[in-house]
Amino acid sequence: MKLIMRTEYDNLRNNPLHSVKSDTNGDKQIVKIFLHDQLIAKRVTFKKSIRYFGAQGYQQYLNDVNEQ
């Protein structure tokens, strides 16, 4: 997984074909985005730090912004 921009993560999260799962453990929260049970992106929130990660090849799952 590599760091991605928030806009890319939001694009993946807002796609109705993708499912979202959230886990919380103390101060740490992880929100994962799946497509057919395959992890494509996740957001890790720890205290006040937020990081966005994308799996290898996540770009193919992005929606074209102009289509909306």
N, C-alpha and C. Protein backbone atom coordinates (compact mmCIF):
# COMPACT_ATOMS: atom_id res chain seq x y z
N MET A 1 0.84 -1.17 0.00
CA MET A 1 0.00 0.00 0.00
C MET A 1 0.89 1.24 0.00
N LYS A 2 0.41 2.28 -0.67
CA LYS A 2 1.17 3.53 -0.70
C LYS A 2 0.24 4.68 -0.37
N LEU A 3 0.83 5.78 0.07
CA LEU A 3 0.04 6.96 0.41
C LEU A 3 -0.64 7.53 -0.82
N ILE A 4 -1.91 7.95 -0.65
CA ILE A 4 -2.66 8.57 -1.74
C ILE A 4 -3.27 9.87 -1.23
N MET A 5 -3.77 10.68 -2.15
CA MET A 5 -4.39 11.95 -1.77
C MET A 5 -5.82 11.71 -1.26
N ARG A 6 -6.28 12.65 -0.44
CA ARG A 6 -7.63 12.55 0.14
C ARG A 6 -8.69 12.53 -0.95
N THR A 7 -8.52 13.32 -2.00
CA THR A 7 -9.52 13.37 -3.07
C THR A 7 -9.65 12.01 -3.75
N GLU A 8 -8.54 11.30 -3.91
CA GLU A 8 -8.59 9.96 -4.51
C GLU A 8 -9.34 9.00 -3.58
N TYR A 9 -9.06 9.10 -2.28
CA TYR A 9 -9.75 8.25 -1.31
C TYR A 9 -11.25 8.54 -1.32
N ASP A 10 -11.63 9.82 -1.32
CA ASP A 10 -13.05 10.19 -1.35
C ASP A 10 -13.73 9.69 -2.62
N ASN A 11 -13.01 9.73 -3.73
CA ASN A 11 -13.54 9.23 -4.99
C ASN A 11 -13.87 7.74 -4.86
N LEU A 12 -12.97 6.97 -4.27
CA LEU A 12 -13.20 5.54 -4.07
C LEU A 12 -14.33 5.29 -3.08
N ARG A 13 -14.39 6.08 -2.02
CA ARG A 13 -15.40 5.90 -0.97
C ARG A 13 -16.80 6.21 -1.48
N ASN A 14 -16.94 7.18 -2.36
CA ASN A 14 -18.25 7.60 -2.85
C ASN A 14 -18.79 6.73 -3.98
N ASN A 15 -18.01 5.79 -4.46
CA ASN A 15 -18.46 4.90 -5.52
C ASN A 15 -19.43 3.87 -4.94
N PRO A 16 -20.66 3.79 -5.48
CA PRO A 16 -21.65 2.86 -4.91
C PRO A 16 -21.30 1.38 -5.10
N LEU A 17 -20.37 1.07 -5.98
CA LEU A 17 -19.95 -0.32 -6.19
C LEU A 17 -19.00 -0.83 -5.11
N HIS A 18 -18.44 0.09 -4.33
CA HIS A 18 -17.47 -0.27 -3.31
C HIS A 18 -18.14 -0.36 -1.94
N SER A 19 -17.69 -1.31 -1.14
CA SER A 19 -18.21 -1.44 0.22
C SER A 19 -17.19 -0.87 1.21
N VAL A 20 -17.69 -0.39 2.35
CA VAL A 20 -16.86 0.27 3.35
C VAL A 20 -17.01 -0.46 4.68
N LYS A 21 -15.88 -0.68 5.37
CA LYS A 21 -15.89 -1.32 6.68
C LYS A 21 -15.04 -0.48 7.62
N SER A 22 -15.51 -0.27 8.84
CA SER A 22 -14.81 0.57 9.81
C SER A 22 -14.48 -0.23 11.06
N ASP A 23 -13.25 -0.04 11.57
CA ASP A 23 -12.80 -0.67 12.81
C ASP A 23 -12.23 0.40 13.71
N THR A 24 -12.52 0.31 15.02
CA THR A 24 -11.99 1.25 15.99
C THR A 24 -11.33 0.47 17.12
N ASN A 25 -10.13 0.93 17.50
CA ASN A 25 -9.41 0.31 18.59
C ASN A 25 -8.73 1.42 19.40
N GLY A 26 -9.37 1.86 20.46
CA GLY A 26 -8.81 2.95 21.26
C GLY A 26 -8.79 4.25 20.48
N ASP A 27 -7.61 4.85 20.33
CA ASP A 27 -7.46 6.10 19.60
C ASP A 27 -7.33 5.89 18.09
N LYS A 28 -7.21 4.67 17.66
CA LYS A 28 -6.94 4.38 16.25
C LYS A 28 -8.22 3.90 15.55
N GLN A 29 -8.51 4.51 14.41
CA GLN A 29 -9.66 4.11 13.60
C GLN A 29 -9.19 3.80 12.19
N ILE A 30 -9.68 2.70 11.63
CA ILE A 30 -9.32 2.30 10.27
C ILE A 30 -10.61 2.11 9.47
N VAL A 31 -10.70 2.79 8.34
CA VAL A 31 -11.83 2.65 7.43
C VAL A 31 -11.30 2.03 6.14
N LYS A 32 -11.81 0.85 5.79
CA LYS A 32 -11.33 0.11 4.62
C LYS A 32 -12.39 0.14 3.53
N ILE A 33 -11.91 0.21 2.28
CA ILE A 33 -12.79 0.20 1.11
C ILE A 33 -12.49 -1.07 0.32
N PHE A 34 -13.56 -1.82 0.02
CA PHE A 34 -13.41 -3.09 -0.68
C PHE A 34 -14.17 -3.07 -1.99
N LEU A 35 -13.67 -3.84 -2.95
CA LEU A 35 -14.39 -4.13 -4.19
C LEU A 35 -14.35 -5.64 -4.36
N HIS A 36 -15.50 -6.30 -4.25
CA HIS A 36 -15.58 -7.77 -4.33
C HIS A 36 -14.63 -8.43 -3.34
N ASP A 37 -14.67 -8.01 -2.09
CA ASP A 37 -13.84 -8.56 -0.99
C ASP A 37 -12.35 -8.35 -1.19
N GLN A 38 -11.95 -7.47 -2.09
CA GLN A 38 -10.54 -7.13 -2.28
C GLN A 38 -10.31 -5.73 -1.75
N LEU A 39 -9.35 -5.59 -0.84
CA LEU A 39 -9.03 -4.29 -0.25
C LEU A 39 -8.38 -3.40 -1.29
N ILE A 40 -8.96 -2.20 -1.52
CA ILE A 40 -8.38 -1.28 -2.50
C ILE A 40 -7.88 0.00 -1.86
N ALA A 41 -8.38 0.37 -0.67
CA ALA A 41 -7.92 1.59 -0.01
C ALA A 41 -8.30 1.56 1.46
N LYS A 42 -7.57 2.36 2.25
CA LYS A 42 -7.92 2.49 3.67
C LYS A 42 -7.49 3.85 4.19
N ARG A 43 -8.20 4.27 5.24
CA ARG A 43 -7.88 5.52 5.94
C ARG A 43 -7.55 5.15 7.38
N VAL A 44 -6.39 5.63 7.84
CA VAL A 44 -5.96 5.36 9.21
C VAL A 44 -5.96 6.68 9.96
N THR A 45 -6.75 6.74 11.03
CA THR A 45 -6.82 7.93 11.89
C THR A 45 -6.27 7.55 13.25
N PHE A 46 -5.19 8.22 13.65
CA PHE A 46 -4.58 7.97 14.95
C PHE A 46 -4.38 9.31 15.64
N LYS A 47 -5.12 9.52 16.71
CA LYS A 47 -5.17 10.80 17.41
C LYS A 47 -5.59 11.87 16.42
N LYS A 48 -4.72 12.81 16.06
CA LYS A 48 -5.10 13.87 15.11
C LYS A 48 -4.47 13.67 13.74
N SER A 49 -3.85 12.54 13.51
CA SER A 49 -3.19 12.24 12.25
C SER A 49 -4.10 11.38 11.37
N ILE A 50 -4.26 11.78 10.11
CA ILE A 50 -5.07 11.01 9.15
C ILE A 50 -4.20 10.71 7.94
N ARG A 51 -4.14 9.42 7.58
CA ARG A 51 -3.37 9.01 6.41
C ARG A 51 -4.25 8.14 5.52
N TYR A 52 -4.07 8.29 4.23
CA TYR A 52 -4.85 7.57 3.23
C TYR A 52 -3.91 6.68 2.44
N PHE A 53 -4.29 5.40 2.28
CA PHE A 53 -3.47 4.44 1.57
C PHE A 53 -4.28 3.79 0.47
N GLY A 54 -3.60 3.49 -0.64
CA GLY A 54 -4.23 2.79 -1.75
C GLY A 54 -3.44 1.53 -2.08
N ALA A 55 -4.14 0.46 -2.42
CA ALA A 55 -3.49 -0.78 -2.82
C ALA A 55 -2.89 -0.59 -4.22
N GLN A 56 -2.00 -1.49 -4.57
CA GLN A 56 -1.38 -1.41 -5.88
C GLN A 56 -2.45 -1.52 -6.96
N GLY A 57 -2.46 -0.58 -7.90
CA GLY A 57 -3.44 -0.56 -8.98
C GLY A 57 -4.76 0.07 -8.61
N TYR A 58 -4.82 0.84 -7.53
CA TYR A 58 -6.08 1.46 -7.09
C TYR A 58 -6.60 2.46 -8.12
N GLN A 59 -5.74 3.00 -8.98
CA GLN A 59 -6.15 4.02 -9.95
C GLN A 59 -7.21 3.51 -10.91
N GLN A 60 -7.22 2.22 -11.18
CA GLN A 60 -8.20 1.68 -12.13
C GLN A 60 -9.62 1.70 -11.57
N TYR A 61 -9.76 1.89 -10.25
CA TYR A 61 -11.08 1.92 -9.62
C TYR A 61 -11.61 3.33 -9.41
N LEU A 62 -10.84 4.34 -9.78
CA LEU A 62 -11.28 5.73 -9.63
C LEU A 62 -12.35 6.06 -10.66
N ASN A 63 -13.34 6.87 -10.24
CA ASN A 63 -14.38 7.36 -11.16
C ASN A 63 -13.85 8.60 -11.86
N ASP A 64 -14.30 8.82 -13.09
CA ASP A 64 -13.98 10.06 -13.78
C ASP A 64 -14.88 11.15 -13.21
N VAL A 65 -14.30 12.23 -12.72
CA VAL A 65 -15.06 13.30 -12.08
C VAL A 65 -16.01 13.96 -13.07
N ASN A 66 -15.65 14.00 -14.34
CA ASN A 66 -16.49 14.66 -15.34
C ASN A 66 -17.77 13.89 -15.65
N GLU A 67 -17.83 12.60 -15.29
CA GLU A 67 -19.02 11.80 -15.58
C GLU A 67 -20.20 12.18 -14.70
N GLN A 68 -19.95 12.75 -13.53
CA GLN A 68 -21.02 13.01 -12.57
C GLN A 68 -21.80 14.23 -12.90
